[in-house]
Amino acid sequence: MSKRRHFTQSEREQWLARFDSHDSTAASFCRNHDLCYQTFLRWRRLARQQHPPSAPGPFIELELPAQSPSSAPHQTVELSFPGGLTLRILPNTSQQEP
């Protein structure tokens, strides 16, 4: 028979912070620390409601895969955003003298 434990708000926040610094699933984390999985999920849900994640800044750095210099000008880049917006960057087709 398992013994029921009660945690303060501060203790719950500490457990959530510990989980965020681990590279494991919530189920594995709870099992390893003898926490009730369903309770832990409730803590996470409530924390997200109280402190929703902030939106990313206005700029997002993108890195394209390495290409040979001769193929780079012929590459088309396409970004699709939620809501159906698509940004398409077409290759530079004009030849410029160095």
N, C-alpha and C. Protein backbone atom coordinates (compact mmCIF):
# COMPACT_ATOMS: atom_id res chain seq x y z
N MET A 1 0.84 -1.18 0.00
CA MET A 1 0.00 0.00 0.00
C MET A 1 0.89 1.24 0.00
N SER A 2 0.66 2.14 -0.95
CA SER A 2 1.49 3.34 -1.03
C SER A 2 0.99 4.40 -0.07
N LYS A 3 1.93 5.17 0.41
CA LYS A 3 1.61 6.23 1.35
C LYS A 3 1.43 7.53 0.57
N ARG A 4 0.40 8.24 0.86
CA ARG A 4 0.08 9.47 0.17
C ARG A 4 0.94 10.60 0.71
N ARG A 5 1.58 11.34 -0.21
CA ARG A 5 2.43 12.46 0.21
C ARG A 5 1.82 13.76 -0.28
N HIS A 6 2.02 14.81 0.47
CA HIS A 6 1.53 16.13 0.09
C HIS A 6 2.73 17.04 -0.12
N PHE A 7 2.69 17.82 -1.18
CA PHE A 7 3.79 18.72 -1.52
C PHE A 7 3.30 20.15 -1.52
N THR A 8 4.14 21.04 -1.03
CA THR A 8 3.82 22.47 -1.07
C THR A 8 4.00 22.97 -2.50
N GLN A 9 3.51 24.16 -2.79
CA GLN A 9 3.69 24.76 -4.11
C GLN A 9 5.17 24.86 -4.45
N SER A 10 5.97 25.27 -3.48
CA SER A 10 7.41 25.39 -3.69
C SER A 10 8.04 24.04 -4.03
N GLU A 11 7.65 23.00 -3.34
CA GLU A 11 8.18 21.66 -3.61
C GLU A 11 7.77 21.19 -5.01
N ARG A 12 6.54 21.46 -5.40
CA ARG A 12 6.08 21.07 -6.74
C ARG A 12 6.91 21.79 -7.80
N GLU A 13 7.15 23.08 -7.61
CA GLU A 13 7.96 23.84 -8.55
C GLU A 13 9.38 23.30 -8.63
N GLN A 14 9.93 22.87 -7.49
CA GLN A 14 11.27 22.29 -7.48
C GLN A 14 11.31 20.98 -8.26
N TRP A 15 10.28 20.15 -8.08
CA TRP A 15 10.21 18.89 -8.83
C TRP A 15 10.12 19.16 -10.32
N LEU A 16 9.31 20.14 -10.72
CA LEU A 16 9.16 20.48 -12.13
C LEU A 16 10.48 21.01 -12.71
N ALA A 17 11.18 21.82 -11.92
CA ALA A 17 12.48 22.34 -12.37
C ALA A 17 13.49 21.20 -12.52
N ARG A 18 13.48 20.27 -11.60
CA ARG A 18 14.39 19.11 -11.69
C ARG A 18 14.08 18.30 -12.94
N PHE A 19 12.80 18.11 -13.23
CA PHE A 19 12.42 17.37 -14.43
C PHE A 19 12.91 18.09 -15.68
N ASP A 20 12.76 19.41 -15.72
CA ASP A 20 13.19 20.18 -16.89
C ASP A 20 14.68 20.05 -17.15
N SER A 21 15.47 19.81 -16.10
CA SER A 21 16.91 19.69 -16.28
C SER A 21 17.34 18.26 -16.58
N HIS A 22 16.41 17.30 -16.59
CA HIS A 22 16.72 15.91 -16.90
C HIS A 22 16.34 15.59 -18.34
N ASP A 23 17.01 14.64 -18.88
CA ASP A 23 16.72 14.20 -20.24
C ASP A 23 16.00 12.85 -20.18
N SER A 24 14.77 12.88 -19.67
CA SER A 24 13.99 11.65 -19.57
C SER A 24 12.52 11.96 -19.75
N THR A 25 11.73 10.93 -19.91
CA THR A 25 10.29 11.13 -20.03
C THR A 25 9.71 11.40 -18.65
N ALA A 26 8.50 11.94 -18.63
CA ALA A 26 7.84 12.21 -17.36
C ALA A 26 7.59 10.90 -16.61
N ALA A 27 7.20 9.87 -17.33
CA ALA A 27 6.93 8.57 -16.69
C ALA A 27 8.19 8.02 -16.03
N SER A 28 9.30 8.08 -16.75
CA SER A 28 10.57 7.59 -16.21
C SER A 28 11.01 8.42 -15.01
N PHE A 29 10.89 9.73 -15.12
CA PHE A 29 11.27 10.61 -14.02
C PHE A 29 10.46 10.30 -12.76
N CYS A 30 9.15 10.14 -12.93
CA CYS A 30 8.28 9.85 -11.78
C CYS A 30 8.62 8.50 -11.17
N ARG A 31 8.86 7.52 -12.02
CA ARG A 31 9.21 6.19 -11.52
C ARG A 31 10.52 6.23 -10.73
N ASN A 32 11.51 6.96 -11.25
CA ASN A 32 12.82 7.04 -10.58
C ASN A 32 12.77 7.82 -9.28
N HIS A 33 11.81 8.72 -9.14
CA HIS A 33 11.74 9.56 -7.94
C HIS A 33 10.52 9.24 -7.08
N ASP A 34 9.87 8.14 -7.38
CA ASP A 34 8.72 7.67 -6.60
C ASP A 34 7.63 8.74 -6.48
N LEU A 35 7.31 9.34 -7.64
CA LEU A 35 6.24 10.33 -7.71
C LEU A 35 5.07 9.72 -8.47
N CYS A 36 3.87 10.13 -8.12
CA CYS A 36 2.68 9.66 -8.83
C CYS A 36 2.64 10.35 -10.20
N TYR A 37 2.65 9.55 -11.25
CA TYR A 37 2.69 10.08 -12.62
C TYR A 37 1.52 11.00 -12.91
N GLN A 38 0.30 10.59 -12.58
CA GLN A 38 -0.88 11.41 -12.86
C GLN A 38 -0.84 12.73 -12.11
N THR A 39 -0.37 12.70 -10.89
CA THR A 39 -0.24 13.93 -10.09
C THR A 39 0.79 14.85 -10.73
N PHE A 40 1.90 14.27 -11.16
CA PHE A 40 2.96 15.06 -11.79
C PHE A 40 2.45 15.73 -13.07
N LEU A 41 1.66 14.99 -13.86
CA LEU A 41 1.09 15.58 -15.07
C LEU A 41 0.16 16.74 -14.74
N ARG A 42 -0.58 16.61 -13.65
CA ARG A 42 -1.47 17.71 -13.22
C ARG A 42 -0.63 18.93 -12.83
N TRP A 43 0.48 18.71 -12.11
CA TRP A 43 1.35 19.82 -11.74
C TRP A 43 1.84 20.55 -12.99
N ARG A 44 2.25 19.79 -14.00
CA ARG A 44 2.76 20.39 -15.23
C ARG A 44 1.67 21.18 -15.94
N ARG A 45 0.47 20.62 -16.02
CA ARG A 45 -0.64 21.30 -16.69
C ARG A 45 -0.97 22.62 -15.98
N LEU A 46 -1.03 22.57 -14.65
CA LEU A 46 -1.34 23.78 -13.88
C LEU A 46 -0.24 24.82 -14.03
N ALA A 47 1.01 24.39 -14.05
CA ALA A 47 2.13 25.32 -14.21
C ALA A 47 2.07 26.00 -15.57
N ARG A 48 1.72 25.25 -16.62
CA ARG A 48 1.60 25.83 -17.96
C ARG A 48 0.47 26.84 -18.03
N GLN A 49 -0.62 26.55 -17.32
CA GLN A 49 -1.75 27.49 -17.32
C GLN A 49 -1.38 28.78 -16.60
N GLN A 50 -0.61 28.67 -15.54
CA GLN A 50 -0.22 29.86 -14.77
C GLN A 50 0.89 30.64 -15.46
N HIS A 51 1.79 29.94 -16.16
CA HIS A 51 2.93 30.57 -16.82
C HIS A 51 3.06 30.02 -18.24
N PRO A 52 2.21 30.49 -19.16
CA PRO A 52 2.30 29.97 -20.52
C PRO A 52 3.65 30.31 -21.14
N PRO A 53 4.17 29.44 -22.01
CA PRO A 53 5.47 29.72 -22.62
C PRO A 53 5.40 30.98 -23.45
N SER A 54 6.47 31.75 -23.42
CA SER A 54 6.49 33.00 -24.19
C SER A 54 6.77 32.69 -25.66
N ALA A 55 6.30 33.57 -26.49
CA ALA A 55 6.53 33.40 -27.93
C ALA A 55 7.99 33.68 -28.23
N PRO A 56 8.52 33.05 -29.27
CA PRO A 56 9.91 33.32 -29.63
C PRO A 56 10.07 34.76 -30.07
N GLY A 57 11.29 35.23 -30.05
CA GLY A 57 11.57 36.60 -30.45
C GLY A 57 11.23 36.83 -31.91
N PRO A 58 11.43 38.05 -32.39
CA PRO A 58 11.03 38.36 -33.76
C PRO A 58 11.91 37.68 -34.82
N PHE A 59 13.08 37.19 -34.42
CA PHE A 59 13.97 36.56 -35.38
C PHE A 59 14.30 35.14 -34.95
N ILE A 60 14.36 34.26 -35.93
CA ILE A 60 14.75 32.88 -35.69
C ILE A 60 15.89 32.58 -36.65
N GLU A 61 17.01 32.14 -36.12
CA GLU A 61 18.16 31.83 -36.96
C GLU A 61 17.95 30.48 -37.65
N LEU A 62 18.18 30.46 -38.94
CA LEU A 62 18.06 29.23 -39.72
C LEU A 62 19.41 28.88 -40.30
N GLU A 63 19.71 27.59 -40.35
CA GLU A 63 20.93 27.14 -41.00
C GLU A 63 20.55 26.19 -42.11
N LEU A 64 21.08 26.46 -43.29
CA LEU A 64 20.83 25.59 -44.43
C LEU A 64 21.89 24.50 -44.46
N PRO A 65 21.54 23.34 -44.98
CA PRO A 65 22.54 22.29 -45.08
C PRO A 65 23.69 22.73 -45.98
N ALA A 66 24.87 22.22 -45.71
CA ALA A 66 26.05 22.59 -46.49
C ALA A 66 25.86 22.15 -47.93
N GLN A 67 26.17 23.03 -48.83
CA GLN A 67 26.07 22.76 -50.26
C GLN A 67 27.39 23.16 -50.91
N SER A 68 27.64 22.62 -52.05
CA SER A 68 28.82 23.05 -52.79
C SER A 68 28.55 24.47 -53.30
N PRO A 69 29.59 25.29 -53.44
CA PRO A 69 29.39 26.67 -53.89
C PRO A 69 28.67 26.77 -55.23
N SER A 70 28.86 25.80 -56.10
CA SER A 70 28.23 25.87 -57.41
C SER A 70 26.73 25.58 -57.34
N SER A 71 26.26 24.82 -56.34
CA SER A 71 24.84 24.49 -56.27
C SER A 71 24.05 25.47 -55.41
N ALA A 72 24.72 26.24 -54.55
CA ALA A 72 24.02 27.15 -53.64
C ALA A 72 23.14 28.18 -54.36
N PRO A 73 23.60 28.81 -55.45
CA PRO A 73 22.75 29.80 -56.11
C PRO A 73 21.51 29.20 -56.75
N HIS A 74 21.47 27.88 -56.93
CA HIS A 74 20.34 27.23 -57.58
C HIS A 74 19.36 26.64 -56.58
N GLN A 75 19.55 26.91 -55.30
CA GLN A 75 18.73 26.31 -54.26
C GLN A 75 17.54 27.21 -53.94
N THR A 76 16.34 26.60 -53.86
CA THR A 76 15.13 27.31 -53.44
C THR A 76 14.87 26.98 -51.98
N VAL A 77 14.57 27.98 -51.18
CA VAL A 77 14.26 27.79 -49.76
C VAL A 77 12.79 28.13 -49.57
N GLU A 78 12.06 27.26 -48.88
CA GLU A 78 10.63 27.49 -48.66
C GLU A 78 10.31 27.27 -47.19
N LEU A 79 9.66 28.24 -46.57
CA LEU A 79 9.23 28.15 -45.18
C LEU A 79 7.72 28.19 -45.15
N SER A 80 7.10 27.23 -44.47
CA SER A 80 5.64 27.20 -44.33
C SER A 80 5.28 27.51 -42.88
N PHE A 81 4.35 28.45 -42.70
CA PHE A 81 3.95 28.89 -41.39
C PHE A 81 2.51 28.45 -41.11
N PRO A 82 2.14 28.39 -39.82
CA PRO A 82 0.75 28.07 -39.49
C PRO A 82 -0.18 29.08 -40.15
N GLY A 83 -1.34 28.63 -40.53
CA GLY A 83 -2.31 29.51 -41.18
C GLY A 83 -2.16 29.53 -42.69
N GLY A 84 -1.21 28.76 -43.22
CA GLY A 84 -1.07 28.66 -44.66
C GLY A 84 -0.10 29.63 -45.31
N LEU A 85 0.55 30.50 -44.56
CA LEU A 85 1.50 31.44 -45.12
C LEU A 85 2.77 30.70 -45.52
N THR A 86 3.26 30.96 -46.73
CA THR A 86 4.49 30.34 -47.21
C THR A 86 5.44 31.43 -47.70
N LEU A 87 6.69 31.35 -47.28
CA LEU A 87 7.73 32.25 -47.73
C LEU A 87 8.66 31.44 -48.63
N ARG A 88 8.80 31.85 -49.87
CA ARG A 88 9.63 31.13 -50.82
C ARG A 88 10.75 32.05 -51.28
N ILE A 89 12.00 31.63 -51.10
CA ILE A 89 13.16 32.39 -51.55
C ILE A 89 13.71 31.66 -52.76
N LEU A 90 13.57 32.30 -53.91
CA LEU A 90 13.97 31.68 -55.17
C LEU A 90 15.46 31.83 -55.40
N PRO A 91 16.03 30.93 -56.16
CA PRO A 91 17.46 31.01 -56.42
C PRO A 91 17.79 32.24 -57.26
N ASN A 92 19.02 32.70 -57.12
CA ASN A 92 19.51 33.82 -57.89
C ASN A 92 19.85 33.29 -59.29
N THR A 93 19.09 33.71 -60.27
CA THR A 93 19.30 33.19 -61.62
C THR A 93 20.17 34.09 -62.47
N SER A 94 20.43 35.31 -62.02
CA SER A 94 21.29 36.20 -62.81
C SER A 94 22.74 35.89 -62.47
N GLN A 95 23.55 35.88 -63.48
CA GLN A 95 24.99 35.64 -63.30
C GLN A 95 25.66 36.96 -63.04
N GLN A 96 26.38 37.04 -61.95
CA GLN A 96 27.11 38.27 -61.63
C GLN A 96 28.59 37.98 -61.77
N GLU A 97 29.30 38.91 -62.33
CA GLU A 97 30.75 38.80 -62.48
C GLU A 97 31.41 39.11 -61.15
N PRO A 98 32.43 38.33 -60.74
CA PRO A 98 33.12 38.61 -59.47
C PRO A 98 33.94 39.87 -59.51
